PDB file of N, CA and C in Angstrom:
ATOM      1  N   MET A   1       1.245  -1.256   0.146  1.00  0.00           N
ATOM      2  CA  MET A   1      -0.101  -0.312  -0.158  1.00  0.00           C
ATOM      3  C   MET A   1       0.944   1.257   0.030  1.00  0.00           C
ATOM      4  N   ASP A   2       0.549   2.181  -0.718  1.00  0.00           N
ATOM      5  CA  ASP A   2       1.318   3.600  -0.868  1.00  0.00           C
ATOM      6  C   ASP A   2       0.796   4.097   0.509  1.00  0.00           C
ATOM      7  N   GLN A   3       1.917   4.321   1.070  1.00  0.00           N
ATOM      8  CA  GLN A   3       2.007   5.396   2.545  1.00  0.00           C
ATOM      9  C   GLN A   3       1.480   6.853   2.217  1.00  0.00           C
ATOM     10  N   GLN A   4       2.156   7.159   0.850  1.00  0.00           N
ATOM     11  CA  GLN A   4       1.833   8.640   0.954  1.00  0.00           C
ATOM     12  C   GLN A   4       0.267   8.658   0.137  1.00  0.00           C
ATOM     13  N   LEU A   5       0.144   7.908  -0.031  1.00  0.00           N
ATOM     14  CA  LEU A   5      -1.185   7.845  -0.841  1.00  0.00           C
ATOM     15  C   LEU A   5      -1.917   8.004   0.713  1.00  0.00           C
ATOM     16  N   VAL A   6      -2.154   7.230   1.572  1.00  0.00           N
ATOM     17  CA  VAL A   6      -2.841   7.030   2.558  1.00  0.00           C
ATOM     18  C   VAL A   6      -2.859   8.335   3.275  1.00  0.00           C
ATOM     19  N   TRP A   7      -1.887   8.914   3.363  1.00  0.00           N
ATOM     20  CA  TRP A   7      -2.149   9.941   4.058  1.00  0.00           C
ATOM     21  C   TRP A   7      -2.472  11.238   3.199  1.00  0.00           C
ATOM     22  N   ASP A   8      -2.284  11.266   1.875  1.00  0.00           N
ATOM     23  CA  ASP A   8      -2.829  12.171   1.104  1.00  0.00           C
ATOM     24  C   ASP A   8      -4.311  12.458   1.246  1.00  0.00           C
ATOM     25  N   LEU A   9      -4.965  10.879   1.347  1.00  0.00           N
ATOM     26  CA  LEU A   9      -6.264  10.796   1.792  1.00  0.00           C
ATOM     27  C   LEU A   9      -6.889  11.098   2.948  1.00  0.00           C
ATOM     28  N   SER A  10      -6.098  10.602   4.064  1.00  0.00           N
ATOM     29  CA  SER A  10      -6.184  11.142   5.472  1.00  0.00           C
ATOM     30  C   SER A  10      -6.617  12.644   5.335  1.00  0.00           C
ATOM     31  N   GLU A  11      -5.727  13.534   4.725  1.00  0.00           N
ATOM     32  CA  GLU A  11      -5.910  14.889   4.995  1.00  0.00           C
ATOM     33  C   GLU A  11      -7.367  15.061   4.249  1.00  0.00           C
ATOM     34  N   ARG A  12      -7.334  15.093   3.369  1.00  0.00           N
ATOM     35  CA  ARG A  12      -8.447  15.029   2.507  1.00  0.00           C
ATOM     36  C   ARG A  12      -9.882  14.855   3.524  1.00  0.00           C
ATOM     37  N   CYS A  13      -9.865  13.607   4.130  1.00  0.00           N
ATOM     38  CA  CYS A  13     -10.706  12.921   4.844  1.00  0.00           C
ATOM     39  C   CYS A  13     -11.119  14.020   6.323  1.00  0.00           C
ATOM     40  N   GLY A  14      -9.976  14.866   6.486  1.00  0.00           N
ATOM     41  CA  GLY A  14     -10.060  15.611   7.878  1.00  0.00           C
ATOM     42  C   GLY A  14      -9.140  14.647   8.993  1.00  0.00           C
ATOM     43  N   GLY A  15      -8.341  14.228   8.383  1.00  0.00           N
ATOM     44  CA  GLY A  15      -7.501  13.503   9.424  1.00  0.00           C
ATOM     45  C   GLY A  15      -7.565  11.942   9.287  1.00  0.00           C
ATOM     46  N   VAL A  16      -6.466  11.235  10.190  1.00  0.00           N
ATOM     47  CA  VAL A  16      -6.296  10.030  10.233  1.00  0.00           C
ATOM     48  C   VAL A  16      -7.210   9.377  10.658  1.00  0.00           C
ATOM     49  N   PHE A  17      -8.015   9.749  11.934  1.00  0.00           N
ATOM     50  CA  PHE A  17      -8.993   8.587  12.381  1.00  0.00           C
ATOM     51  C   PHE A  17     -10.139   9.045  11.281  1.00  0.00           C
ATOM     52  N   LYS A  18     -10.565  10.022  10.728  1.00  0.00           N
ATOM     53  CA  LYS A  18     -11.730  10.044  10.334  1.00  0.00           C
ATOM     54  C   LYS A  18     -11.029   8.947   9.018  1.00  0.00           C
ATOM     55  N   PHE A  19     -10.237   9.486   8.699  1.00  0.00           N
ATOM     56  CA  PHE A  19     -10.075   8.387   7.278  1.00  0.00           C
ATOM     57  C   PHE A  19      -9.748   6.896   7.817  1.00  0.00           C
ATOM     58  N   THR A  20      -9.625   6.286   8.686  1.00  0.00           N
ATOM     59  CA  THR A  20      -9.483   5.181   9.393  1.00  0.00           C
ATOM     60  C   THR A  20     -11.179   4.654   9.374  1.00  0.00           C
ATOM     61  N   VAL A  21     -11.963   5.588   9.807  1.00  0.00           N
ATOM     62  CA  VAL A  21     -13.566   5.099  10.037  1.00  0.00           C
ATOM     63  C   VAL A  21     -13.910   4.816   8.988  1.00  0.00           C
ATOM     64  N   LEU A  22     -13.705   6.089   7.900  1.00  0.00           N
ATOM     65  CA  LEU A  22     -14.552   5.804   6.438  1.00  0.00           C
ATOM     66  C   LEU A  22     -13.820   4.501   5.854  1.00  0.00           C
ATOM     67  N   LEU A  23     -12.880   4.253   6.117  1.00  0.00           N
ATOM     68  CA  LEU A  23     -12.346   3.231   5.446  1.00  0.00           C
ATOM     69  C   LEU A  23     -12.285   1.769   5.687  1.00  0.00           C
ATOM     70  N   GLN A  24     -12.618   1.622   7.490  1.00  0.00           N
ATOM     71  CA  GLN A  24     -13.294   0.427   8.227  1.00  0.00           C
ATOM     72  C   GLN A  24     -14.675   0.397   7.457  1.00  0.00           C
ATOM     73  N   LYS A  25     -15.911   1.659   7.449  1.00  0.00           N
ATOM     74  CA  LYS A  25     -16.863   1.219   7.401  1.00  0.00           C
ATOM     75  C   LYS A  25     -17.236   0.726   6.290  1.00  0.00           C
ATOM     76  N   ARG A  26     -16.376   1.464   4.894  1.00  0.00           N
ATOM     77  CA  ARG A  26     -16.998   0.674   3.713  1.00  0.00           C
ATOM     78  C   ARG A  26     -16.125  -0.310   3.212  1.00  0.00           C
ATOM     79  N   ILE A  27     -15.093  -1.073   4.257  1.00  0.00           N
ATOM     80  CA  ILE A  27     -14.994  -2.470   3.931  1.00  0.00           C
ATOM     81  C   ILE A  27     -15.545  -3.315   4.191  1.00  0.00           C
ATOM     82  N   HIS A  28     -16.549  -2.731   5.613  1.00  0.00           N
ATOM     83  CA  HIS A  28     -17.177  -3.372   6.118  1.00  0.00           C
ATOM     84  C   HIS A  28     -18.745  -3.865   5.169  1.00  0.00           C
ATOM     85  N   GLU A  29     -18.690  -3.123   4.752  1.00  0.00           N
ATOM     86  CA  GLU A  29     -20.069  -2.763   3.541  1.00  0.00           C
ATOM     87  C   GLU A  29     -19.674  -3.721   2.284  1.00  0.00           C
ATOM     88  N   LEU A  30     -18.752  -3.603   1.760  1.00  0.00           N
ATOM     89  CA  LEU A  30     -18.301  -4.019   1.026  1.00  0.00           C
ATOM     90  C   LEU A  30     -17.714  -5.741   1.176  1.00  0.00           C
ATOM     91  N   VAL A  31     -17.705  -6.377   2.324  1.00  0.00           N
ATOM     92  CA  VAL A  31     -17.277  -7.499   2.966  1.00  0.00           C
ATOM     93  C   VAL A  31     -19.277  -8.173   2.509  1.00  0.00           C
ATOM     94  N   ARG A  32     -19.702  -7.649   3.153  1.00  0.00           N
ATOM     95  CA  ARG A  32     -21.336  -8.015   3.984  1.00  0.00           C
ATOM     96  C   ARG A  32     -21.981  -7.438   2.279  1.00  0.00           C
ATOM     97  N   GLY A  33     -21.246  -7.296   0.913  1.00  0.00           N
ATOM     98  CA  GLY A  33     -21.929  -7.477  -0.196  1.00  0.00           C
ATOM     99  C   GLY A  33     -22.327  -6.563  -0.829  1.00  0.00           C
ATOM    100  N   ALA A  34     -22.162  -4.764  -0.167  1.00  0.00           N
ATOM    101  CA  ALA A  34     -22.528  -3.963  -0.846  1.00  0.00           C
ATOM    102  C   ALA A  34     -21.793  -3.555  -2.572  1.00  0.00           C
ATOM    103  N   PRO A  35     -22.320  -3.491  -3.238  1.00  0.00           N
ATOM    104  CA  PRO A  35     -21.618  -3.352  -4.788  1.00  0.00           C
ATOM    105  C   PRO A  35     -20.747  -1.865  -4.703  1.00  0.00           C
ATOM    106  N   LYS A  36     -19.481  -2.081  -5.901  1.00  0.00           N
ATOM    107  CA  LYS A  36     -18.959  -1.169  -5.802  1.00  0.00           C
ATOM    108  C   LYS A  36     -19.117  -0.008  -6.219  1.00  0.00           C
ATOM    109  N   LEU A  37     -18.726   1.047  -5.915  1.00  0.00           N
ATOM    110  CA  LEU A  37     -19.101   2.240  -6.660  1.00  0.00           C
ATOM    111  C   LEU A  37     -18.064   2.882  -7.621  1.00  0.00           C
ATOM    112  N   ILE A  38     -17.346   1.919  -7.897  1.00  0.00           N
ATOM    113  CA  ILE A  38     -16.524   2.207  -8.878  1.00  0.00           C
ATOM    114  C   ILE A  38     -16.150   1.748 -10.168  1.00  0.00           C
ATOM    115  N   GLU A  39     -15.551   1.642 -10.873  1.00  0.00           N
ATOM    116  CA  GLU A  39     -15.533   0.136 -12.164  1.00  0.00           C
ATOM    117  C   GLU A  39     -13.969  -0.336 -11.678  1.00  0.00           C
ATOM    118  N   ASP A  40     -13.714  -1.306 -11.491  1.00  0.00           N
ATOM    119  CA  ASP A  40     -12.498  -1.810 -10.909  1.00  0.00           C
ATOM    120  C   ASP A  40     -12.505  -3.263 -10.899  1.00  0.00           C
ATOM    121  N   SER A  41     -11.447  -4.042 -11.357  1.00  0.00           N
ATOM    122  CA  SER A  41     -11.527  -5.477 -11.396  1.00  0.00           C
ATOM    123  C   SER A  41     -10.726  -6.255 -10.379  1.00  0.00           C
ATOM    124  N   SER A  42     -10.532  -5.356  -9.065  1.00  0.00           N
ATOM    125  CA  SER A  42     -10.158  -5.669  -7.887  1.00  0.00           C
ATOM    126  C   SER A  42     -11.117  -6.806  -7.322  1.00  0.00           C
ATOM    127  N   ILE A  43     -10.826  -7.536  -6.542  1.00  0.00           N
ATOM    128  CA  ILE A  43     -11.929  -8.199  -5.177  1.00  0.00           C
ATOM    129  C   ILE A  43     -11.906  -8.036  -4.216  1.00  0.00           C
ATOM    130  N   ASP A  44     -10.466  -7.108  -3.651  1.00  0.00           N
ATOM    131  CA  ASP A  44      -9.922  -6.847  -2.342  1.00  0.00           C
ATOM    132  C   ASP A  44     -10.758  -5.466  -1.955  1.00  0.00           C
ATOM    133  N   PRO A  45     -11.545  -6.029  -0.763  1.00  0.00           N
ATOM    134  CA  PRO A  45     -12.141  -4.972  -0.009  1.00  0.00           C
ATOM    135  C   PRO A  45     -11.601  -3.487   0.034  1.00  0.00           C
ATOM    136  N   ILE A  46     -10.670  -3.873   0.245  1.00  0.00           N
ATOM    137  CA  ILE A  46      -9.523  -2.845   1.227  1.00  0.00           C
ATOM    138  C   ILE A  46      -8.898  -1.982  -0.456  1.00  0.00           C
ATOM    139  N   ASP A  47      -8.611  -2.735  -1.367  1.00  0.00           N
ATOM    140  CA  ASP A  47      -8.326  -1.636  -2.485  1.00  0.00           C
ATOM    141  C   ASP A  47      -9.349  -1.282  -3.335  1.00  0.00           C
ATOM    142  N   ILE A  48     -10.438  -1.446  -3.120  1.00  0.00           N
ATOM    143  CA  ILE A  48     -11.695  -1.067  -3.532  1.00  0.00           C
ATOM    144  C   ILE A  48     -11.980   0.729  -3.052  1.00  0.00           C
ATOM    145  N   ALA A  49     -12.199  -0.034  -1.688  1.00  0.00           N
ATOM    146  CA  ALA A  49     -12.788   1.590  -0.170  1.00  0.00           C
ATOM    147  C   ALA A  49     -11.537   2.222  -0.893  1.00  0.00           C
ATOM    148  N   LEU A  50     -10.208   2.113  -0.849  1.00  0.00           N
ATOM    149  CA  LEU A  50      -9.513   2.657  -0.814  1.00  0.00           C
ATOM    150  C   LEU A  50      -9.250   3.633  -2.230  1.00  0.00           C
ATOM    151  N   LYS A  51      -9.722   3.153  -3.589  1.00  0.00           N
ATOM    152  CA  LYS A  51      -9.928   3.484  -4.623  1.00  0.00           C
ATOM    153  C   LYS A  51     -11.548   4.241  -4.800  1.00  0.00           C
ATOM    154  N   GLU A  52     -12.181   4.084  -4.267  1.00  0.00           N
ATOM    155  CA  GLU A  52     -13.403   4.753  -3.845  1.00  0.00           C
ATOM    156  C   GLU A  52     -13.198   6.520  -3.113  1.00  0.00           C
ATOM    157  N   ILE A  53     -12.683   5.787  -2.136  1.00  0.00           N
ATOM    158  CA  ILE A  53     -11.965   7.412  -1.382  1.00  0.00           C
ATOM    159  C   ILE A  53     -11.069   8.228  -2.300  1.00  0.00           C
ATOM    160  N   ALA A  54     -10.520   7.881  -2.860  1.00  0.00           N
ATOM    161  CA  ALA A  54      -9.596   8.709  -3.713  1.00  0.00           C
ATOM    162  C   ALA A  54     -10.305   9.388  -5.018  1.00  0.00           C
ATOM    163  N   ALA A  55     -11.148   8.510  -5.331  1.00  0.00           N
ATOM    164  CA  ALA A  55     -12.026   8.796  -6.488  1.00  0.00           C
ATOM    165  C   ALA A  55     -13.192   9.895  -5.962  1.00  0.00           C
ATOM    166  N   GLY A  56     -13.243   9.913  -4.989  1.00  0.00           N
ATOM    167  CA  GLY A  56     -13.923  11.002  -4.016  1.00  0.00           C
ATOM    168  C   GLY A  56     -15.758  10.458  -4.320  1.00  0.00           C
ATOM    169  N   VAL A  57     -16.050   9.254  -4.196  1.00  0.00           N
ATOM    170  CA  VAL A  57     -17.075   8.762  -4.320  1.00  0.00           C
ATOM    171  C   VAL A  57     -17.875   8.646  -3.321  1.00  0.00           C
ATOM    172  N   ILE A  58     -17.339   8.676  -2.200  1.00  0.00           N
ATOM    173  CA  ILE A  58     -17.659   8.245  -1.019  1.00  0.00           C
ATOM    174  C   ILE A  58     -17.343   9.476   0.380  1.00  0.00           C
ATOM    175  N   GLU A  59     -17.872   9.691   1.143  1.00  0.00           N
ATOM    176  CA  GLU A  59     -17.550  10.663   2.096  1.00  0.00           C
ATOM    177  C   GLU A  59     -17.988  10.095   3.345  1.00  0.00           C
ATOM    178  N   LEU A  60     -16.837  10.428   4.689  1.00  0.00           N
ATOM    179  CA  LEU A  60     -17.517  10.281   6.172  1.00  0.00           C
ATOM    180  C   LEU A  60     -18.907  11.182   6.248  1.00  0.00           C
ATOM    181  N   GLU A  61     -19.526  11.026   6.894  1.00  0.00           N
ATOM    182  CA  GLU A  61     -21.261  12.032   7.092  1.00  0.00           C
ATOM    183  C   GLU A  61     -20.328  12.155   8.576  1.00  0.00           C
ATOM    184  N   GLN A  62     -21.153  13.375   8.567  1.00  0.00           N
ATOM    185  CA  GLN A  62     -20.473  14.100   9.712  1.00  0.00           C
ATOM    186  C   GLN A  62     -21.257  13.543  10.968  1.00  0.00           C
ATOM    187  N   LEU A  63     -20.211  13.045  12.101  1.00  0.00           N
ATOM    188  CA  LEU A  63     -20.664  12.258  13.323  1.00  0.00           C
ATOM    189  C   LEU A  63     -20.657  13.042  14.662  1.00  0.00           C
ATOM    190  N   SER A  64     -21.595  13.099  15.237  1.00  0.00           N
ATOM    191  CA  SER A  64     -22.149  13.887  16.391  1.00  0.00           C
ATOM    192  C   SER A  64     -20.704  13.288  17.386  1.00  0.00           C
ATOM    193  N   PRO A  65     -20.420  14.148  18.133  1.00  0.00           N
ATOM    194  CA  PRO A  65     -19.380  13.599  19.357  1.00  0.00           C
ATOM    195  C   PRO A  65     -19.207  12.660  20.192  1.00  0.00           C
ATOM    196  N   ALA A  66     -20.944  12.313  20.812  1.00  0.00           N
ATOM    197  CA  ALA A  66     -20.956  10.759  20.842  1.00  0.00           C
ATOM    198  C   ALA A  66     -20.909   9.459  20.147  1.00  0.00           C
ATOM    199  N   GLU A  67     -21.051  10.051  18.452  1.00  0.00           N
ATOM    200  CA  GLU A  67     -20.495   8.838  18.021  1.00  0.00           C
ATOM    201  C   GLU A  67     -19.409   8.088  17.674  1.00  0.00           C
ATOM    202  N   ILE A  68     -18.617   9.695  17.573  1.00  0.00           N
ATOM    203  CA  ILE A  68     -17.212   9.420  17.757  1.00  0.00           C
ATOM    204  C   ILE A  68     -16.455   8.774  18.806  1.00  0.00           C
ATOM    205  N   ASP A  69     -16.916   9.116  20.086  1.00  0.00           N
ATOM    206  CA  ASP A  69     -16.716   8.240  20.942  1.00  0.00           C
ATOM    207  C   ASP A  69     -17.003   6.859  21.034  1.00  0.00           C
ATOM    208  N   GLU A  70     -18.406   6.809  20.817  1.00  0.00           N
ATOM    209  CA  GLU A  70     -18.585   5.207  20.528  1.00  0.00           C
ATOM    210  C   GLU A  70     -17.408   4.619  19.546  1.00  0.00           C
ATOM    211  N   LEU A  71     -17.254   5.158  18.786  1.00  0.00           N
ATOM    212  CA  LEU A  71     -16.186   4.361  17.379  1.00  0.00           C
ATOM    213  C   LEU A  71     -14.952   4.103  18.013  1.00  0.00           C
ATOM    214  N   LYS A  72     -14.778   5.183  18.525  1.00  0.00           N
ATOM    215  CA  LYS A  72     -13.177   4.965  19.383  1.00  0.00           C
ATOM    216  C   LYS A  72     -13.249   3.675  20.572  1.00  0.00           C
ATOM    217  N   ARG A  73     -14.298   3.771  21.230  1.00  0.00           N
ATOM    218  CA  ARG A  73     -14.603   2.648  22.669  1.00  0.00           C
ATOM    219  C   ARG A  73     -14.520   1.656  21.944  1.00  0.00           C
ATOM    220  N   SER A  74     -15.181   1.834  20.789  1.00  0.00           N
ATOM    221  CA  SER A  74     -15.403   0.281  19.985  1.00  0.00           C
ATOM    222  C   SER A  74     -14.040  -0.395  19.692  1.00  0.00           C
ATOM    223  N   MET A  75     -13.199   0.812  19.234  1.00  0.00           N
ATOM    224  CA  MET A  75     -11.850   0.338  18.315  1.00  0.00           C
ATOM    225  C   MET A  75     -10.994  -0.246  19.442  1.00  0.00           C
ATOM    226  N   GLU A  76     -10.937   0.870  20.551  1.00  0.00           N
ATOM    227  CA  GLU A  76      -9.995   0.314  21.704  1.00  0.00           C
ATOM    228  C   GLU A  76     -10.644  -1.161  22.283  1.00  0.00           C
ATOM    229  N   GLU A  77     -11.794  -1.699  22.349  1.00  0.00           N
ATOM    230  CA  GLU A  77     -12.170  -2.852  22.695  1.00  0.00           C
ATOM    231  C   GLU A  77     -11.796  -3.949  21.930  1.00  0.00           C
ATOM    232  N   GLN A  78     -11.670  -3.549  20.587  1.00  0.00           N
ATOM    233  CA  GLN A  78     -11.223  -4.755  19.386  1.00  0.00           C
ATOM    234  C   GLN A  78     -10.211  -4.969  19.465  1.00  0.00           C
ATOM    235  N   THR A  79      -9.211  -3.710  19.653  1.00  0.00           N
ATOM    236  CA  THR A  79      -8.027  -3.931  19.993  1.00  0.00           C
ATOM    237  C   THR A  79      -7.293  -4.706  21.301  1.00  0.00           C
ATOM    238  N   ALA A  80      -8.115  -4.368  22.224  1.00  0.00           N
ATOM    239  CA  ALA A  80      -7.878  -5.316  23.651  1.00  0.00           C
ATOM    240  C   ALA A  80      -8.217  -6.541  23.584  1.00  0.00           C
ATOM    241  N   ALA A  81      -9.276  -7.101  22.263  1.00  0.00           N
ATOM    242  CA  ALA A  81     -10.050  -8.592  22.822  1.00  0.00           C
ATOM    243  C   ALA A  81      -8.538  -9.165  21.450  1.00  0.00           C
ATOM    244  N   GLN A  82      -8.010  -8.012  20.771  1.00  0.00           N
ATOM    245  CA  GLN A  82      -7.173  -8.736  19.809  1.00  0.00           C
ATOM    246  C   GLN A  82      -5.757  -9.461  20.770  1.00  0.00           C
ATOM    247  N   SER A  83      -5.257  -8.554  21.292  1.00  0.00           N
ATOM    248  CA  SER A  83      -4.286  -8.408  22.410  1.00  0.00           C
ATOM    249  C   SER A  83      -4.294  -9.633  23.303  1.00  0.00           C
ATOM    250  N   LEU A  84      -5.797  -9.858  24.024  1.00  0.00           N
ATOM    251  CA  LEU A  84      -5.934 -10.986  24.720  1.00  0.00           C
ATOM    252  C   LEU A  84      -6.023 -11.906  24.294  1.00  0.00           C
ATOM    253  N   LEU A  85      -6.126 -12.572  22.684  1.00  0.00           N
ATOM    254  CA  LEU A  85      -6.209 -13.487  22.170  1.00  0.00           C
ATOM    255  C   LEU A  85      -4.838 -13.644  21.803  1.00  0.00           C
ATOM    256  N   ALA A  86      -4.390 -13.129  21.380  1.00  0.00           N
ATOM    257  CA  ALA A  86      -2.882 -13.148  21.056  1.00  0.00           C
ATOM    258  C   ALA A  86      -1.973 -14.059  22.089  1.00  0.00           C
ATOM    259  N   ARG A  87      -1.993 -12.923  23.513  1.00  0.00           N
ATOM    260  CA  ARG A  87      -1.478 -13.408  24.703  1.00  0.00           C
ATOM    261  C   ARG A  87      -2.095 -15.250  24.863  1.00  0.00           C
ATOM    262  N   GLU A  88      -3.333 -15.650  24.589  1.00  0.00           N
ATOM    263  CA  GLU A  88      -3.767 -16.432  24.821  1.00  0.00           C
ATOM    264  C   GLU A  88      -3.436 -17.899  24.214  1.00  0.00           C
ATOM    265  N   GLN A  89      -3.274 -17.683  22.749  1.00  0.00           N
ATOM    266  CA  GLN A  89      -2.934 -18.480  21.935  1.00  0.00           C
ATOM    267  C   GLN A  89      -1.093 -18.601  22.110  1.00  0.00           C
ATOM    268  N   ALA A  90      -0.546 -17.834  22.261  1.00  0.00           N
ATOM    269  CA  ALA A  90       1.159 -17.413  22.792  1.00  0.00           C
ATOM    270  C   ALA A  90       1.318 -18.722  23.978  1.00  0.00           C
ATOM    271  N   GLY A  91       0.383 -18.475  24.692  1.00  0.00           N
ATOM    272  CA  GLY A  91       0.386 -19.191  26.594  1.00  0.00           C
ATOM    273  C   GLY A  91       0.073 -20.537  26.046  1.00  0.00           C
ATOM    274  N   ARG A  92      -1.022 -21.057  25.087  1.00  0.00           N
ATOM    275  CA  ARG A  92      -1.141 -22.567  24.907  1.00  0.00           C
ATOM    276  C   ARG A  92      -1.378 -22.478  23.953  1.00  0.00           C
ATOM    277  N   PRO A  93      -1.252 -23.791  22.745  1.00  0.00           N
ATOM    278  CA  PRO A  93      -1.964 -23.914  21.650  1.00  0.00           C
ATOM    279  C   PRO A  93      -3.192 -24.156  21.862  1.00  0.00           C
ATOM    280  N   GLY A  94      -3.432 -24.286  20.772  1.00  0.00           N
ATOM    281  CA  GLY A  94      -4.943 -24.988  20.627  1.00  0.00           C
ATOM    282  C   GLY A  94      -6.092 -24.084  20.612  1.00  0.00           C
ATOM    283  N   GLU A  95      -7.383 -23.927  20.471  1.00  0.00           N
ATOM    284  CA  GLU A  95      -8.632 -23.061  20.241  1.00  0.00           C
ATOM    285  C   GLU A  95      -8.560 -22.240  21.269  1.00  0.00           C
ATOM    286  N   PRO A  96      -8.445 -20.830  21.308  1.00  0.00           N
ATOM    287  CA  PRO A  96      -8.565 -20.296  22.308  1.00  0.00           C
ATOM    288  C   PRO A  96      -9.923 -19.917  23.473  1.00  0.00           C
ATOM    289  N   SER A  97      -9.648 -19.422  24.065  1.00  0.00           N
ATOM    290  CA  SER A  97     -10.925 -19.493  25.024  1.00  0.00           C
ATOM    291  C   SER A  97     -11.883 -17.927  24.905  1.00  0.00           C
ATOM    292  N   THR A  98     -12.815 -17.716  24.813  1.00  0.00           N
ATOM    293  CA  THR A  98     -13.082 -16.360  24.892  1.00  0.00           C
ATOM    294  C   THR A  98     -13.965 -15.728  26.122  1.00  0.00           C
ATOM    295  N   GLN A  99     -13.408 -16.155  27.280  1.00  0.00           N
ATOM    296  CA  GLN A  99     -13.920 -16.318  28.881  1.00  0.00           C
ATOM    297  C   GLN A  99     -12.970 -14.912  29.039  1.00  0.00           C
ATOM    298  N   ALA A 100     -11.862 -14.916  28.651  1.00  0.00           N
ATOM    299  CA  ALA A 100     -10.874 -13.962  29.056  1.00  0.00           C
ATOM    300  C   ALA A 100     -11.269 -12.349  28.484  1.00  0.00           C
ATOM    301  N   ILE A 101     -11.996 -12.554  26.830  1.00  0.00           N
ATOM    302  CA  ILE A 101     -12.413 -11.002  26.607  1.00  0.00           C
ATOM    303  C   ILE A 101     -13.607 -10.601  26.833  1.00  0.00           C
ATOM    304  N   ALA A 102     -14.972 -12.011  26.937  1.00  0.00           N
ATOM    305  CA  ALA A 102     -15.936 -11.398  28.079  1.00  0.00           C
ATOM    306  C   ALA A 102     -15.254 -10.676  29.248  1.00  0.00           C
ATOM    307  N   ASP A 103     -14.734 -11.641  29.938  1.00  0.00           N
ATOM    308  CA  ASP A 103     -14.581 -10.761  31.254  1.00  0.00           C
ATOM    309  C   ASP A 103     -13.911  -9.005  31.242  1.00  0.00           C
ATOM    310  N   TYR A 104     -12.806  -9.190  30.134  1.00  0.00           N
ATOM    311  CA  TYR A 104     -12.359  -8.205  30.057  1.00  0.00           C
ATOM    312  C   TYR A 104     -13.447  -6.972  29.681  1.00  0.00           C
ATOM    313  N   LEU A 105     -14.461  -7.305  28.334  1.00  0.00           N
ATOM    314  CA  LEU A 105     -15.645  -6.290  28.026  1.00  0.00           C
ATOM    315  C   LEU A 105     -16.275  -6.370  29.257  1.00  0.00           C
ATOM    316  N   LYS A 106     -16.598  -6.880  30.477  1.00  0.00           N
ATOM    317  CA  LYS A 106     -17.460  -6.803  31.431  1.00  0.00           C
ATOM    318  C   LYS A 106     -16.856  -5.846  32.607  1.00  0.00           C
ATOM    319  N   SER A 107     -15.454  -5.687  32.413  1.00  0.00           N
ATOM    320  CA  SER A 107     -14.889  -5.011  33.198  1.00  0.00           C
ATOM    321  C   SER A 107     -14.959  -3.542  32.856  1.00  0.00           C
ATOM    322  N   SER A 108     -14.849  -3.110  31.669  1.00  0.00           N
ATOM    323  CA  SER A 108     -14.698  -1.965  31.264  1.00  0.00           C
ATOM    324  C   SER A 108     -15.798  -1.183  31.093  1.00  0.00           C
TER     325      SER A 108
END
């Protein structure tokens, strides 16, 4: 991935956080079957979403401060859950338990 493109698109979107939210939201839509908004032969949802942002066919709607806080909290929870799973997998081979994640999410 071209880092300069990412920085340029971040600036166009109003910052790295807003760009990341837009990219994540669009990838999620594409994975769930939303049609492409550009003509492109790629099947990679990340590539498609980046090209759609670059083409200016999608934008992040103005979010309220509460919605932004909720997105940040959600991203922090996902990061924490991934970290817990990684530690659990490193500690013992096999299927990881989700109990640690459930306990963590209940405590936050």
